C-alpha atoms as a PDB file:
ATOM      1  CA  MET A   1     186.209  80.892 -55.560  1.00  0.00           C
ATOM      2  CA  PRO A   2     182.734  82.514 -55.646  1.00  0.00           C
ATOM      3  CA  LEU A   3     180.112  80.849 -53.490  1.00  0.00           C
ATOM      4  CA  ASP A   4     177.856  79.846 -56.398  1.00  0.00           C
ATOM      5  CA  ALA A   5     180.757  78.332 -58.455  1.00  0.00           C
ATOM      6  CA  ARG A   6     181.888  75.827 -55.809  1.00  0.00           C
ATOM      7  CA  PRO A   7     180.767  72.183 -55.847  1.00  0.00           C
ATOM      8  CA  LEU A   8     178.163  71.711 -53.147  1.00  0.00           C
ATOM      9  CA  THR A   9     176.840  68.906 -50.987  1.00  0.00           C
ATOM     10  CA  ARG A  10     173.143  68.867 -50.140  1.00  0.00           C
ATOM     11  CA  CYS A  11     171.898  69.675 -46.709  1.00  0.00           C
ATOM     12  CA  PRO A  12     170.618  66.592 -44.821  1.00  0.00           C
ATOM     13  CA  SER A  13     167.223  68.230 -44.260  1.00  0.00           C
ATOM     14  CA  GLY A  14     166.339  67.633 -47.920  1.00  0.00           C
ATOM     15  CA  PRO A  15     165.463  69.658 -51.019  1.00  0.00           C
ATOM     16  CA  ASN A  16     161.879  70.573 -50.025  1.00  0.00           C
ATOM     17  CA  ILE A  17     162.769  72.969 -47.215  1.00  0.00           C
ATOM     18  CA  VAL A  18     161.655  76.570 -47.243  1.00  0.00           C
ATOM     19  CA  ALA A  19     164.236  78.721 -45.514  1.00  0.00           C
ATOM     20  CA  SER A  20     166.049  82.034 -45.670  1.00  0.00           C
ATOM     21  CA  PRO A  21     169.079  82.421 -47.981  1.00  0.00           C
ATOM     22  CA  HIS A  22     171.300  82.701 -44.881  1.00  0.00           C
ATOM     23  CA  PHE A  23     170.160  79.264 -43.686  1.00  0.00           C
ATOM     24  CA  LEU A  24     170.697  77.739 -47.129  1.00  0.00           C
ATOM     25  CA  ARG A  25     174.179  79.235 -47.360  1.00  0.00           C
ATOM     26  CA  ARG A  26     175.055  77.601 -44.049  1.00  0.00           C
ATOM     27  CA  CYS A  27     173.353  74.355 -45.046  1.00  0.00           C
ATOM     28  CA  TRP A  28     175.231  73.738 -48.297  1.00  0.00           C
ATOM     29  CA  VAL A  29     178.779  72.598 -47.660  1.00  0.00           C
ATOM     30  CA  ASP A  30     181.689  72.915 -50.060  1.00  0.00           C
ATOM     31  CA  ASN A  31     183.320  69.556 -50.973  1.00  0.00           C
ATOM     32  CA  GLU A  32     186.754  71.140 -50.638  1.00  0.00           C
ATOM     33  CA  ASP A  33     185.837  72.225 -47.125  1.00  0.00           C
ATOM     34  CA  ILE A  34     184.834  68.665 -46.291  1.00  0.00           C
ATOM     35  CA  LYS A  35     188.115  67.299 -47.665  1.00  0.00           C
ATOM     36  CA  ALA A  36     190.080  69.904 -45.709  1.00  0.00           C
ATOM     37  CA  LEU A  37     188.139  69.010 -42.570  1.00  0.00           C
ATOM     38  CA  GLU A  38     188.786  65.283 -43.131  1.00  0.00           C
ATOM     39  CA  GLN A  39     192.505  65.962 -43.555  1.00  0.00           C
ATOM     40  CA  ARG A  40     192.591  68.043 -40.390  1.00  0.00           C
ATOM     41  CA  ILE A  41     190.754  65.317 -38.463  1.00  0.00           C
ATOM     42  CA  ASP A  42     193.241  62.728 -39.778  1.00  0.00           C
ATOM     43  CA  GLN A  43     196.106  64.962 -38.632  1.00  0.00           C
ATOM     44  CA  LEU A  44     194.540  65.330 -35.198  1.00  0.00           C
ATOM     45  CA  ILE A  45     194.033  61.557 -34.915  1.00  0.00           C
ATOM     46  CA  ALA A  46     197.685  60.956 -35.845  1.00  0.00           C
ATOM     47  CA  ALA A  47     198.825  63.588 -33.343  1.00  0.00           C
ATOM     48  CA  CYS A  48     196.664  61.999 -30.651  1.00  0.00           C
ATOM     49  CA  GLN A  49     198.167  58.567 -31.356  1.00  0.00           C
ATOM     50  CA  ARG A  50     201.699  59.988 -31.197  1.00  0.00           C
ATOM     51  CA  LEU A  51     200.914  61.727 -27.922  1.00  0.00           C
ATOM     52  CA  ARG A  52     199.501  58.513 -26.447  1.00  0.00           C
ATOM     53  CA  GLN A  53     202.653  56.624 -27.435  1.00  0.00           C
ATOM     54  CA  ASP A  54     204.877  59.396 -26.054  1.00  0.00           C
ATOM     55  CA  ASN A  55     202.863  59.463 -22.849  1.00  0.00           C
ATOM     56  CA  GLN A  56     203.154  55.687 -22.449  1.00  0.00           C
ATOM     57  CA  LEU A  57     206.925  55.878 -23.015  1.00  0.00           C
ATOM     58  CA  LEU A  58     207.288  58.739 -20.524  1.00  0.00           C
ATOM     59  CA  ARG A  59     205.263  56.857 -17.898  1.00  0.00           C
ATOM     60  CA  SER A  60     207.494  53.818 -18.354  1.00  0.00           C
ATOM     61  CA  GLU A  61     210.661  55.919 -18.108  1.00  0.00           C
ATOM     62  CA  ASN A  62     209.263  57.657 -15.033  1.00  0.00           C
ATOM     63  CA  GLU A  63     208.598  54.301 -13.360  1.00  0.00           C
ATOM     64  CA  ASN A  64     212.123  53.102 -14.161  1.00  0.00           C
ATOM     65  CA  LEU A  65     213.664  56.307 -12.812  1.00  0.00           C
ATOM     66  CA  SER A  66     211.519  56.106  -9.690  1.00  0.00           C
ATOM     67  CA  GLN A  67     212.732  52.548  -9.018  1.00  0.00           C
ATOM     68  CA  LYS A  68     216.339  53.599  -9.643  1.00  0.00           C
ATOM     69  CA  HIS A  69     215.911  56.536  -7.262  1.00  0.00           C
ATOM     70  CA  THR A  70     214.563  54.212  -4.563  1.00  0.00           C
ATOM     71  CA  ARG A  71     217.566  51.883  -4.953  1.00  0.00           C
ATOM     72  CA  LEU A  72     219.987  54.825  -4.774  1.00  0.00           C
ATOM     73  CA  VAL A  73     218.315  56.154  -1.622  1.00  0.00           C
ATOM     74  CA  GLU A  74     218.656  52.714  -0.032  1.00  0.00           C
ATOM     75  CA  LYS A  75     222.336  52.472  -1.040  1.00  0.00           C
ATOM     76  CA  THR A  76     222.977  55.957   0.305  1.00  0.00           C
ATOM     77  CA  GLN A  77     221.403  55.028   3.635  1.00  0.00           C
ATOM     78  CA  VAL A  78     223.544  51.858   3.864  1.00  0.00           C
ATOM     79  CA  ALA A  79     226.675  53.882   3.022  1.00  0.00           C
ATOM     80  CA  ARG A  80     225.762  56.545   5.586  1.00  0.00           C
ATOM     81  CA  THR A  81     225.292  53.912   8.298  1.00  0.00           C
ATOM     82  CA  ARG A  82     228.634  52.269   7.486  1.00  0.00           C
ATOM     83  CA  ILE A  83     230.463  55.617   7.426  1.00  0.00           C
ATOM     84  CA  GLU A  84     228.929  56.654  10.761  1.00  0.00           C
ATOM     85  CA  ALA A  85     230.043  53.313  12.239  1.00  0.00           C
ATOM     86  CA  MET A  86     233.605  53.851  10.915  1.00  0.00           C
ATOM     87  CA  ILE A  87     233.682  57.369  12.346  1.00  0.00           C
ATOM     88  CA  GLY A  88     232.528  55.978  15.712  1.00  0.00           C
ATOM     89  CA  ARG A  89     235.295  53.346  15.669  1.00  0.00           C
ATOM     90  CA  LEU A  90     237.911  55.963  14.723  1.00  0.00           C
ATOM     91  CA  LYS A  91     236.788  58.217  17.574  1.00  0.00           C
ATOM     92  CA  SER A  92     236.974  55.334  20.023  1.00  0.00           C
ATOM     93  CA  LEU A  93     240.473  54.432  18.782  1.00  0.00           C
ATOM     94  CA  GLU A  94     241.508  58.069  19.154  1.00  0.00           C
ATOM     95  CA  ARG A  95     240.239  58.166  22.749  1.00  0.00           C
ATOM     96  CA  SER A  96     242.001  54.941  23.647  1.00  0.00           C
ATOM     97  CA  THR A  97     245.409  56.134  22.491  1.00  0.00           C
END
């Protein structure tokens, strides 16, 4: 669409400014551009909200897995201690026979 055929929004500095054509071209904003920008901002907000929710879920899962890992390490240590004790008893039985 040609620049002069697009619907325009006024520049906030007002209609009584004296400026170069380059400045005026930058100052007038196309309504379609504003709508596209609003849509993109809405998409970014939605993406940010999804990422926050995903992050919260991942942090929760990480905490749960960390607690599970701690319990498994403790169980492994208990099992190791019991197995070492059994091996010691077996060795002492073997020596006594």
